[in-house]
Structures are given as structure tokens and as C-alpha cells.
């Protein structure tokens, strides 16, 4: 892909990032409600309105700084973000641990579905052979949509509290072991920052993300 200025990158990535984290969080809320917890609904968080989910740091500042760093360094890299967590009351589930695991999986699953949707959009643009500037811009946005959703899919499945993968693992562990394991949660963001700064995070999520992207593009017959 060609090189872009920071403003161009911002225009390309803004919608995919906001849409990805918003739907991710809303998916948690919708599944929680289906299992008996209407907390998100009562608090006005069961919506696809980005304003209700946007976190100034996780949705705007962090992805923006990553894009700026990439533009200044003239290189790509991992871009991710997060939204304000949808409130979940596990006590309202018939089986709290199983319920939390199901709710947790809903987020990454929504990202997989969105990645497929963006890829279909990209395929349609490739088929039509659009050469206009707007068409190329939308194509890059579709590609960005695929990437950000695959990053969020793989990232959130890591077993690092409070990521979604940790909720699934906690449901599989014996109750006492799960309690001890989740005590790591207050330090989860620090752990992620350290993994990102040392390049370990890219090593952990890069290969599976690339593999999923290749499978998705091969499935749709997209060649870039």
C-alpha cells in the first residue's frame, strides 16, 4: 500500500476503529441481555451509538498516537484501541461463570463478522475496478476495517485479564484458581503496554492475525 500523511491515515482509520470498538462492546451488552442481565440496557449502553461507547483515551488518543507514530516513522505497525466497557452484572446470569464466558466471546466474534463485512466491501470494489479517488479511498478504508477487526479479535482472545480471553479461561479453571488468576486484572493494562513497548505483543498477535487475513482474502478471492 502507498504511504499516507497523518491526516489521510486518520481519515482512513477513524470510521473502522470507532465502528470496531463500538460494535464489540455493544455485542457484549446484547448477549448479556439475552442471558438475563439488562444492566447495559437500563444504563443506556445497549446501543450502536458510538458516543455512548467512545473512550477518549482508548478510542481516540491511543489509536491516533499510533497512527501519528507510524506516519512519522514511515512504517506500519499494530493499531488497536478500546471503548468504555459495557457494564455486566454476572450475578444476574443463571450460571455466572459460564455466562461471562459467553458474553466475552461475543466481542471477538463481532469483530470476526465485521472483518468479513469489510472484506466483502473490498471485494466489491475490486470487482468493479473503481479507479476514482473516492473509490480508492474507500478501498483503503475497507482494508483498514479488516485489519483493525482482526487485531481486536486476536488481541481480545489473549488470556490477559481483563481481555475477553481471560473470562473464557477463568470459566474453565477451578473456582479457586480462577479467583487467583483474575487478581491480575488491575495490572492488565500495564502488562499490555509493556508487551507492546518490547515488541512482544506484535509477535504474539501478528502471525495469527496475518493467517486469518490470508484465509479471509483467499476465501473471497481477494489478491492484493
Protein backbone atom coordinates (compact mmCIF):
# COMPACT_ATOMS: atom_id res chain seq x y z
CA UNK A 1 0.00 0.00 0.00
CA UNK A 2 1.12 3.52 -0.70
CA UNK A 3 2.36 5.88 2.01
CA UNK A 4 -0.09 8.35 3.52
CA UNK A 5 0.14 11.54 5.51
CA UNK A 6 -1.17 11.54 9.08
CA UNK A 7 -4.37 13.33 8.06
CA UNK A 8 -5.01 10.79 5.30
CA UNK A 9 -4.38 7.91 7.71
CA UNK A 10 -6.74 9.48 10.23
CA UNK A 11 -9.47 9.76 7.59
CA UNK A 12 -8.96 6.14 6.55
CA UNK A 13 -8.82 4.59 10.03
CA UNK A 14 -11.26 6.74 12.04
CA UNK A 15 -14.50 5.06 10.98
CA UNK A 16 -13.20 1.45 11.10
CA UNK A 17 -11.69 1.93 14.59
CA UNK A 18 -14.75 3.63 16.09
CA UNK A 19 -17.12 1.15 14.47
CA UNK A 20 -15.00 -1.86 15.56
CA UNK A 21 -14.82 -0.96 19.25
CA UNK A 22 -18.43 0.25 19.39
CA UNK A 23 -19.94 -2.93 17.93
CA UNK A 24 -17.56 -5.03 20.06
CA UNK A 25 -18.88 -3.51 23.28
CA UNK A 26 -22.50 -3.47 22.13
CA UNK A 27 -22.22 -7.19 21.33
CA UNK A 28 -21.28 -7.87 24.95
CA UNK A 29 -24.37 -5.98 26.10
CA UNK A 30 -26.79 -7.63 23.67
CA UNK A 31 -25.62 -11.14 24.62
CA UNK A 32 -25.70 -10.28 28.34
CA UNK A 33 -29.32 -9.17 27.97
CA UNK A 34 -30.21 -12.41 26.19
CA UNK A 35 -28.78 -14.27 29.20
CA UNK A 36 -30.79 -12.27 31.71
CA UNK A 37 -28.71 -9.19 32.53
CA UNK A 38 -30.30 -5.93 31.41
CA UNK A 39 -27.77 -3.68 33.20
CA UNK A 40 -26.40 -2.18 29.97
CA UNK A 41 -29.91 -1.55 28.67
CA UNK A 42 -31.03 0.22 31.86
CA UNK A 43 -27.92 2.44 31.75
CA UNK A 44 -28.44 3.40 28.10
CA UNK A 45 -25.37 1.47 26.90
CA UNK A 46 -27.19 -1.11 24.80
CA UNK A 47 -26.81 0.92 21.62
CA UNK A 48 -24.68 1.22 18.49
CA UNK A 49 -24.35 4.97 19.06
CA UNK A 50 -20.54 5.48 19.23
CA UNK A 51 -20.92 8.46 21.58
CA UNK A 52 -22.17 6.09 24.29
CA UNK A 53 -19.10 3.86 23.98
CA UNK A 54 -16.19 6.07 22.94
CA UNK A 55 -13.36 6.25 25.44
CA UNK A 56 -11.30 9.45 24.93
CA UNK A 57 -8.06 7.60 25.59
CA UNK A 58 -8.70 4.13 24.18
CA UNK A 59 -10.82 5.05 21.16
CA UNK A 60 -9.25 8.37 20.17
CA UNK A 61 -5.88 9.14 21.78
CA UNK A 62 -4.13 5.74 21.65
CA UNK A 63 -5.04 4.84 18.02
CA UNK A 64 -4.31 8.45 16.99
CA UNK A 65 -0.85 8.37 18.55
CA UNK A 66 -0.15 5.01 16.92
CA UNK A 67 -1.14 6.40 13.54
CA UNK A 68 0.96 9.51 14.10
CA UNK A 69 3.94 7.40 15.11
CA UNK A 70 3.55 5.27 12.02
CA UNK A 71 3.31 8.36 9.79
CA UNK A 72 6.40 9.96 11.36
CA UNK A 73 8.44 6.76 11.25
CA UNK A 74 7.30 5.95 7.73
CA UNK A 75 6.36 2.45 8.79
CA UNK A 76 3.28 0.47 9.69
CA UNK A 77 2.57 -1.27 12.95
CA UNK A 78 -0.12 -2.60 15.20
CA UNK A 79 -3.05 -0.25 15.71
CA UNK A 80 -5.63 -1.02 18.33
CA UNK A 81 -7.98 0.70 20.71
CA UNK A 82 -10.81 0.11 23.13
CA UNK A 83 -14.14 1.58 24.18
CA UNK A 84 -15.73 2.07 27.59
CA UNK A 85 -16.60 -1.43 28.86
CA UNK A 86 -20.31 -2.21 28.83
CA UNK A 87 -21.44 -2.84 32.43
CA UNK A 88 -22.21 -6.50 33.07
CA UNK A 89 -23.74 -7.95 36.25
CA UNK A 90 -22.75 -11.62 36.21
CA UNK A 91 -24.93 -12.22 39.26
CA UNK A 92 -28.00 -11.99 37.03
CA UNK A 93 -26.88 -14.98 34.94
CA UNK A 94 -28.17 -18.45 35.80
CA UNK A 95 -24.55 -19.65 35.70
CA UNK A 96 -22.31 -16.57 36.26
CA UNK A 97 -19.03 -18.10 35.12
CA UNK A 98 -20.49 -19.70 32.01
CA UNK A 99 -22.49 -16.55 31.28
CA UNK A 100 -19.42 -14.31 31.49
CA UNK A 101 -17.53 -16.62 29.12
CA UNK A 102 -20.35 -16.48 26.56
CA UNK A 103 -20.60 -12.69 26.88
CA UNK A 104 -16.82 -12.40 26.49
CA UNK A 105 -16.77 -14.44 23.27
CA UNK A 106 -19.45 -12.18 21.75
CA UNK A 107 -16.98 -9.29 21.40
CA UNK A 108 -14.29 -11.06 19.34
CA UNK A 109 -16.99 -12.85 17.34
CA UNK A 110 -18.47 -9.48 16.37
CA UNK A 111 -15.01 -8.40 15.18
CA UNK A 112 -14.72 -11.52 13.02
CA UNK A 113 -18.10 -10.76 11.43
CA UNK A 114 -17.09 -7.13 10.84
CA UNK A 115 -13.77 -8.16 9.32
CA UNK A 116 -15.68 -10.36 6.88
CA UNK A 117 -18.06 -7.48 6.09
CA UNK A 118 -15.21 -5.06 5.35
CA UNK A 119 -13.52 -7.74 3.22
CA UNK A 120 -16.72 -8.20 1.19
CA UNK A 121 -16.80 -4.43 0.63
CA UNK A 122 -13.20 -4.56 -0.56
CA UNK A 123 -14.01 -7.45 -2.89
CA UNK A 124 -16.89 -5.50 -4.45
CA UNK A 125 -14.60 -2.54 -5.10
CA UNK A 126 -12.01 -4.85 -6.68
CA UNK A 127 -14.69 -6.42 -8.90
CA UNK A 128 -15.98 -3.06 -10.10
CA UNK A 129 -12.45 -1.89 -10.79
CA UNK A 130 -13.13 1.55 -9.36
CA UNK A 131 -10.25 3.89 -10.17
CA UNK A 132 -11.75 7.16 -8.94
CA UNK A 133 -10.03 8.77 -5.96
CA UNK A 134 -13.05 8.22 -3.72
CA UNK A 135 -13.18 4.54 -4.67
CA UNK A 136 -9.52 4.02 -3.81
CA UNK A 137 -10.05 5.83 -0.52
CA UNK A 138 -12.97 3.54 0.36
CA UNK A 139 -10.88 0.52 -0.63
CA UNK A 140 -8.13 1.53 1.80
CA UNK A 141 -10.78 2.09 4.47
CA UNK A 142 -12.15 -1.41 3.86
CA UNK A 143 -8.65 -2.84 4.16
CA UNK A 144 -8.18 -0.91 7.42
CA UNK A 145 -11.53 -2.28 8.62
CA UNK A 146 -10.33 -5.82 8.03
CA UNK A 147 -7.06 -5.18 9.87
CA UNK A 148 -8.42 -3.41 12.95
CA UNK A 149 -11.10 -6.05 13.47
CA UNK A 150 -8.65 -8.91 13.14
CA UNK A 151 -6.29 -7.16 15.57
CA UNK A 152 -9.12 -6.75 18.10
CA UNK A 153 -10.23 -10.34 17.54
CA UNK A 154 -6.82 -11.83 18.26
CA UNK A 155 -5.85 -9.30 20.94
CA UNK A 156 -9.02 -9.82 22.95
CA UNK A 157 -8.60 -13.58 22.92
CA UNK A 158 -5.28 -13.31 24.77
CA UNK A 159 -5.65 -14.71 28.31
CA UNK A 160 -4.59 -11.45 29.95
CA UNK A 161 -7.18 -10.01 32.37
CA UNK A 162 -9.35 -8.06 31.66
CA UNK A 163 -9.29 -9.12 27.99
CA UNK A 164 -12.12 -11.37 26.82
CA UNK A 165 -9.87 -14.41 26.62
CA UNK A 166 -9.29 -14.21 30.36
CA UNK A 167 -13.05 -14.52 31.02
CA UNK A 168 -13.17 -17.69 28.98
CA UNK A 169 -10.11 -19.16 30.71
CA UNK A 170 -11.49 -18.20 34.14
CA UNK A 171 -14.66 -20.15 33.35
CA UNK A 172 -12.59 -23.24 32.54
CA UNK A 173 -10.35 -23.09 35.62
CA UNK A 174 -11.34 -24.44 39.04
CA UNK A 175 -13.12 -21.73 41.02
CA UNK A 176 -10.25 -21.04 43.44
CA UNK A 177 -7.65 -20.96 40.65
CA UNK A 178 -9.89 -18.60 38.66
CA UNK A 179 -10.17 -16.25 41.64
CA UNK A 180 -6.39 -16.07 41.99
CA UNK A 181 -5.93 -15.68 38.24
CA UNK A 182 -8.32 -12.72 37.98
CA UNK A 183 -6.38 -10.86 40.68
CA UNK A 184 -4.01 -9.93 37.83
CA UNK A 185 -6.77 -7.75 36.28
CA UNK A 186 -5.69 -4.39 37.86
CA UNK A 187 -2.29 -4.81 36.18
CA UNK A 188 -3.60 -5.94 32.79
CA UNK A 189 -3.18 -2.59 31.01
CA UNK A 190 0.38 -2.23 32.32
CA UNK A 191 1.18 -5.73 31.08
CA UNK A 192 -0.20 -4.90 27.63
CA UNK A 193 1.78 -1.65 27.44
CA UNK A 194 4.98 -3.48 28.37
CA UNK A 195 4.30 -6.19 25.78
CA UNK A 196 3.65 -3.51 23.15
CA UNK A 197 6.75 -1.48 24.03
CA UNK A 198 9.02 -4.52 23.89
CA UNK A 199 7.55 -5.78 20.61
CA UNK A 200 6.32 -9.00 22.22
CA UNK A 201 2.68 -8.09 21.61
CA UNK A 202 3.27 -7.82 17.88
CA UNK A 203 4.99 -11.20 17.92
CA UNK A 204 2.02 -12.71 19.77
CA UNK A 205 -0.82 -11.37 17.64
CA UNK A 206 0.91 -10.72 14.30
CA UNK A 207 1.13 -14.31 12.96
CA UNK A 208 -2.45 -15.38 13.84
CA UNK A 209 -3.80 -12.07 12.53
CA UNK A 210 -1.93 -12.46 9.25
CA UNK A 211 -3.11 -16.05 9.00
CA UNK A 212 -6.75 -15.06 9.47
CA UNK A 213 -6.40 -12.26 6.93
CA UNK A 214 -4.90 -14.63 4.37
CA UNK A 215 -7.68 -17.17 4.92
CA UNK A 216 -10.33 -14.47 4.63
CA UNK A 217 -8.86 -13.00 1.44
CA UNK A 218 -8.36 -16.43 -0.09
CA UNK A 219 -11.95 -17.34 0.74
CA UNK A 220 -13.21 -14.24 -1.09
CA UNK A 221 -10.66 -14.43 -3.87
CA UNK A 222 -9.00 -11.13 -2.99
CA UNK A 223 -5.46 -10.65 -4.22
CA UNK A 224 -3.54 -7.53 -3.17
